[in-house]
C-alpha atoms as a PDB file:
ATOM      1  CA  MET A   1     -63.147  55.826  91.007  1.00  0.00           C
ATOM      2  CA  ASN A   2     -63.237  59.079  89.432  1.00  0.00           C
ATOM      3  CA  SER A   3     -65.839  60.795  87.747  1.00  0.00           C
ATOM      4  CA  SER A   4     -64.836  60.244  84.465  1.00  0.00           C
ATOM      5  CA  ASN A   5     -64.999  56.657  84.666  1.00  0.00           C
ATOM      6  CA  LYS A   6     -68.820  56.687  86.458  1.00  0.00           C
ATOM      7  CA  GLY A   7     -70.139  56.767  82.786  1.00  0.00           C
ATOM      8  CA  HIS A   8     -68.739  54.172  81.285  1.00  0.00           C
ATOM      9  CA  MET A   9     -69.563  51.668  84.766  1.00  0.00           C
ATOM     10  CA  ARG A  10     -73.380  51.663  83.707  1.00  0.00           C
ATOM     11  CA  TYR A  11     -73.815  48.045  84.831  1.00  0.00           C
ATOM     12  CA  ALA A  12     -74.899  47.451  88.545  1.00  0.00           C
ATOM     13  CA  CYS A  13     -75.098  44.329  90.465  1.00  0.00           C
ATOM     14  CA  GLU A  14     -78.453  44.120  92.187  1.00  0.00           C
ATOM     15  CA  VAL A  15     -76.692  42.332  95.085  1.00  0.00           C
ATOM     16  CA  CYS A  16     -73.959  44.302  95.807  1.00  0.00           C
ATOM     17  CA  GLN A  17     -74.167  47.539  94.182  1.00  0.00           C
ATOM     18  CA  ARG A  18     -70.555  46.571  92.141  1.00  0.00           C
ATOM     19  CA  ARG A  19     -70.453  48.350  88.501  1.00  0.00           C
ATOM     20  CA  PHE A  20     -69.345  46.945  85.846  1.00  0.00           C
ATOM     21  CA  SER A  21     -68.442  48.595  82.209  1.00  0.00           C
ATOM     22  CA  ARG A  22     -69.690  45.618  80.391  1.00  0.00           C
ATOM     23  CA  PRO A  23     -72.342  43.099  80.738  1.00  0.00           C
ATOM     24  CA  SER A  24     -70.676  40.094  79.997  1.00  0.00           C
ATOM     25  CA  HIS A  25     -68.919  41.194  83.345  1.00  0.00           C
ATOM     26  CA  MET A  26     -71.568  41.662  85.389  1.00  0.00           C
ATOM     27  CA  GLU A  27     -72.927  38.374  84.150  1.00  0.00           C
ATOM     28  CA  GLN A  28     -69.643  36.737  85.349  1.00  0.00           C
ATOM     29  CA  HIS A  29     -69.802  38.374  88.648  1.00  0.00           C
ATOM     30  CA  MET A  30     -73.322  37.691  89.238  1.00  0.00           C
ATOM     31  CA  ARG A  31     -71.690  33.696  89.453  1.00  0.00           C
ATOM     32  CA  ILE A  32     -70.688  34.655  92.648  1.00  0.00           C
ATOM     33  CA  HIS A  33     -73.957  35.311  94.100  1.00  0.00           C
ATOM     34  CA  THR A  34     -75.493  32.292  92.658  1.00  0.00           C
ATOM     35  CA  GLY A  35     -73.277  29.647  92.525  1.00  0.00           C
ATOM     36  CA  ASP A  36     -73.256  29.044  89.146  1.00  0.00           C
ATOM     37  CA  LYS A  37     -70.506  27.221  87.703  1.00  0.00           C
ATOM     38  CA  PRO A  38     -70.979  26.412  83.854  1.00  0.00           C
ATOM     39  CA  TYR A  39     -67.271  24.930  83.029  1.00  0.00           C
ATOM     40  CA  GLN A  40     -66.999  21.557  83.915  1.00  0.00           C
ATOM     41  CA  CYS A  41     -63.945  19.401  83.122  1.00  0.00           C
ATOM     42  CA  ALA A  42     -64.447  16.309  81.144  1.00  0.00           C
ATOM     43  CA  VAL A  43     -61.793  14.151  82.931  1.00  0.00           C
ATOM     44  CA  CYS A  44     -62.738  14.613  86.960  1.00  0.00           C
ATOM     45  CA  GLN A  45     -65.900  16.790  86.486  1.00  0.00           C
ATOM     46  CA  GLN A  46     -65.050  19.655  88.976  1.00  0.00           C
ATOM     47  CA  ARG A  47     -66.808  22.760  88.308  1.00  0.00           C
ATOM     48  CA  PHE A  48     -65.329  26.335  87.591  1.00  0.00           C
ATOM     49  CA  THR A  49     -67.250  29.884  87.018  1.00  0.00           C
ATOM     50  CA  LEU A  50     -64.692  30.999  84.496  1.00  0.00           C
ATOM     51  CA  LYS A  51     -63.356  29.170  81.450  1.00  0.00           C
ATOM     52  CA  HIS A  52     -59.694  30.242  81.850  1.00  0.00           C
ATOM     53  CA  HIS A  53     -59.837  28.561  85.266  1.00  0.00           C
ATOM     54  CA  LEU A  54     -61.075  25.595  83.649  1.00  0.00           C
ATOM     55  CA  LYS A  55     -58.341  25.710  81.091  1.00  0.00           C
ATOM     56  CA  GLY A  56     -55.298  26.449  83.521  1.00  0.00           C
ATOM     57  CA  HIS A  57     -56.963  23.260  85.550  1.00  0.00           C
ATOM     58  CA  GLN A  58     -56.807  20.830  82.211  1.00  0.00           C
ATOM     59  CA  ILE A  59     -53.088  21.887  81.857  1.00  0.00           C
ATOM     60  CA  ARG A  60     -52.594  19.704  85.436  1.00  0.00           C
ATOM     61  CA  HIS A  61     -54.337  16.773  83.817  1.00  0.00           C
ATOM     62  CA  LEU A  62     -52.024  16.909  80.951  1.00  0.00           C
ATOM     63  CA  GLN A  63     -48.794  17.116  83.026  1.00  0.00           C
ATOM     64  CA  MET A  64     -49.839  13.667  84.571  1.00  0.00           C
END
């Protein structure tokens, strides 16, 4: 990372020190460490860490 980007990466993960430019990105990243999967498929109850992963999964149910 070049020095001009360091000022924009002000949110740091307390577990692994990875840095993020937005607090929402860090919040999503923290799910790796916590195992939190807040998005659940209404058809099969499979859970996902990211909403777009759930949406991609739901397409499979529509194709059946």
